[in-house]
Amino acid sequence: MDVNGKPVDWDATVEIAIGIERFAPTIIQAAISGNQAALIIPSAVCDQVRNSTAWRLHMVVANSDGSTTTTPLAVGCFERDDGGQP
């Protein structure tokens, strides 16, 4: 949002890092369209997560000097519900 509360286009990439392998997380890029980022996690990746598998959502901004700045947006853990009884 800008200072007036209006949506602005993303000037960054958005991605999720899923801790299936602790030291080599699975990274999935979001599709950016204007001011929205859509993230789809493939079923093959979902099949590998367990309850408590950690994930981190972050955006990466390119700096004018060629470096990047990564900003965390949200963190959490998966909670599976594979159709069992509540």
C-alpha atoms as a PDB file:
ATOM      1  CA  MET A   1       0.000   0.000   0.000  1.00  0.00           C
ATOM      2  CA  ASP A   2       1.156   3.540  -0.619  1.00  0.00           C
ATOM      3  CA  VAL A   3       0.907   6.356   1.948  1.00  0.00           C
ATOM      4  CA  ASN A   4      -2.730   6.897   0.912  1.00  0.00           C
ATOM      5  CA  GLY A   5      -3.674   3.241   1.454  1.00  0.00           C
ATOM      6  CA  LYS A   6      -3.869   2.432  -2.260  1.00  0.00           C
ATOM      7  CA  PRO A   7      -2.460  -0.879  -3.562  1.00  0.00           C
ATOM      8  CA  VAL A   8       0.808  -0.603  -5.494  1.00  0.00           C
ATOM      9  CA  ASP A   9       2.464  -3.083  -7.849  1.00  0.00           C
ATOM     10  CA  TRP A  10       5.045  -5.462  -6.363  1.00  0.00           C
ATOM     11  CA  ASP A  11       8.594  -4.388  -7.116  1.00  0.00           C
ATOM     12  CA  ALA A  12       9.977  -7.623  -5.704  1.00  0.00           C
ATOM     13  CA  THR A  13       9.735 -11.385  -5.932  1.00  0.00           C
ATOM     14  CA  VAL A  14       7.797 -13.381  -3.371  1.00  0.00           C
ATOM     15  CA  GLU A  15       8.698 -16.952  -2.484  1.00  0.00           C
ATOM     16  CA  ILE A  16       8.091 -19.614   0.108  1.00  0.00           C
ATOM     17  CA  ALA A  17      10.869 -21.723   1.618  1.00  0.00           C
ATOM     18  CA  ILE A  18       9.592 -25.091   2.849  1.00  0.00           C
ATOM     19  CA  GLY A  19      11.820 -27.008   5.261  1.00  0.00           C
ATOM     20  CA  ILE A  20      11.368 -30.514   3.868  1.00  0.00           C
ATOM     21  CA  GLU A  21      15.172 -30.801   3.891  1.00  0.00           C
ATOM     22  CA  ARG A  22      16.372 -28.731   6.829  1.00  0.00           C
ATOM     23  CA  PHE A  23      19.541 -27.348   5.238  1.00  0.00           C
ATOM     24  CA  ALA A  24      18.246 -27.225   1.651  1.00  0.00           C
ATOM     25  CA  PRO A  25      14.691 -25.847   1.764  1.00  0.00           C
ATOM     26  CA  THR A  26      12.346 -26.228  -1.188  1.00  0.00           C
ATOM     27  CA  ILE A  27      11.839 -22.761  -2.730  1.00  0.00           C
ATOM     28  CA  ILE A  28       8.684 -21.955  -4.685  1.00  0.00           C
ATOM     29  CA  GLN A  29       8.271 -18.602  -6.440  1.00  0.00           C
ATOM     30  CA  ALA A  30       4.948 -16.792  -6.398  1.00  0.00           C
ATOM     31  CA  ALA A  31       3.416 -15.487  -9.625  1.00  0.00           C
ATOM     32  CA  ILE A  32       3.240 -11.693  -9.417  1.00  0.00           C
ATOM     33  CA  SER A  33       0.474  -9.777 -11.191  1.00  0.00           C
ATOM     34  CA  GLY A  34       0.246  -6.084 -10.372  1.00  0.00           C
ATOM     35  CA  ASN A  35      -0.331  -5.804  -6.642  1.00  0.00           C
ATOM     36  CA  GLN A  36      -1.057  -9.505  -6.039  1.00  0.00           C
ATOM     37  CA  ALA A  37       1.204 -12.488  -5.452  1.00  0.00           C
ATOM     38  CA  ALA A  38      -0.261 -15.985  -6.015  1.00  0.00           C
ATOM     39  CA  LEU A  39       1.537 -18.991  -4.605  1.00  0.00           C
ATOM     40  CA  ILE A  40       0.685 -22.551  -5.639  1.00  0.00           C
ATOM     41  CA  ILE A  41       2.373 -25.427  -3.854  1.00  0.00           C
ATOM     42  CA  PRO A  42       2.489 -28.526  -6.110  1.00  0.00           C
ATOM     43  CA  SER A  43       0.937 -31.720  -4.763  1.00  0.00           C
ATOM     44  CA  ALA A  44       4.316 -33.505  -5.022  1.00  0.00           C
ATOM     45  CA  VAL A  45       5.703 -31.001  -2.505  1.00  0.00           C
ATOM     46  CA  CYS A  46       2.611 -31.191  -0.264  1.00  0.00           C
ATOM     47  CA  ASP A  47       3.000 -34.981  -0.155  1.00  0.00           C
ATOM     48  CA  GLN A  48       6.423 -34.532   1.476  1.00  0.00           C
ATOM     49  CA  VAL A  49       5.441 -32.197   4.317  1.00  0.00           C
ATOM     50  CA  ARG A  50       4.630 -33.455   7.791  1.00  0.00           C
ATOM     51  CA  ASN A  51       2.886 -31.811  10.696  1.00  0.00           C
ATOM     52  CA  SER A  52       5.344 -29.254  12.005  1.00  0.00           C
ATOM     53  CA  THR A  53       7.285 -28.882   8.714  1.00  0.00           C
ATOM     54  CA  ALA A  54       8.324 -25.232   8.856  1.00  0.00           C
ATOM     55  CA  TRP A  55       7.740 -22.690   6.076  1.00  0.00           C
ATOM     56  CA  ARG A  56       8.887 -19.081   5.589  1.00  0.00           C
ATOM     57  CA  LEU A  57       7.328 -16.590   3.194  1.00  0.00           C
ATOM     58  CA  HIS A  58       9.571 -13.738   2.140  1.00  0.00           C
ATOM     59  CA  MET A  59      10.072 -11.116  -0.527  1.00  0.00           C
ATOM     60  CA  VAL A  60      13.326 -10.384  -2.275  1.00  0.00           C
ATOM     61  CA  VAL A  61      14.058  -6.888  -3.574  1.00  0.00           C
ATOM     62  CA  ALA A  62      16.873  -6.105  -6.007  1.00  0.00           C
ATOM     63  CA  ASN A  63      19.060  -3.199  -4.880  1.00  0.00           C
ATOM     64  CA  SER A  64      20.665  -0.687  -7.219  1.00  0.00           C
ATOM     65  CA  ASP A  65      24.136  -2.088  -6.437  1.00  0.00           C
ATOM     66  CA  GLY A  66      23.186  -5.582  -7.663  1.00  0.00           C
ATOM     67  CA  SER A  67      22.690  -7.057  -4.193  1.00  0.00           C
ATOM     68  CA  THR A  68      19.326  -8.206  -2.827  1.00  0.00           C
ATOM     69  CA  THR A  69      17.412  -7.598   0.383  1.00  0.00           C
ATOM     70  CA  THR A  70      15.239 -10.400   1.765  1.00  0.00           C
ATOM     71  CA  THR A  71      12.360  -9.427   4.044  1.00  0.00           C
ATOM     72  CA  PRO A  72      10.355 -12.015   5.999  1.00  0.00           C
ATOM     73  CA  LEU A  73       6.589 -11.729   5.522  1.00  0.00           C
ATOM     74  CA  ALA A  74       5.249 -14.692   7.508  1.00  0.00           C
ATOM     75  CA  VAL A  75       6.401 -17.946   9.107  1.00  0.00           C
ATOM     76  CA  GLY A  76       4.567 -21.050  10.209  1.00  0.00           C
ATOM     77  CA  CYS A  77       4.299 -24.823  10.261  1.00  0.00           C
ATOM     78  CA  PHE A  78       2.170 -27.110   8.155  1.00  0.00           C
ATOM     79  CA  GLU A  79      -0.786 -28.842   9.749  1.00  0.00           C
ATOM     80  CA  ARG A  80      -1.958 -31.800   7.695  1.00  0.00           C
ATOM     81  CA  ASP A  81      -5.574 -32.888   7.425  1.00  0.00           C
ATOM     82  CA  ASP A  82      -5.680 -35.905   5.166  1.00  0.00           C
ATOM     83  CA  GLY A  83      -9.412 -36.481   5.464  1.00  0.00           C
ATOM     84  CA  GLY A  84      -9.441 -38.321   8.771  1.00  0.00           C
ATOM     85  CA  GLN A  85     -12.031 -37.932  11.504  1.00  0.00           C
ATOM     86  CA  PRO A  86     -11.875 -34.675  13.492  1.00  0.00           C
END
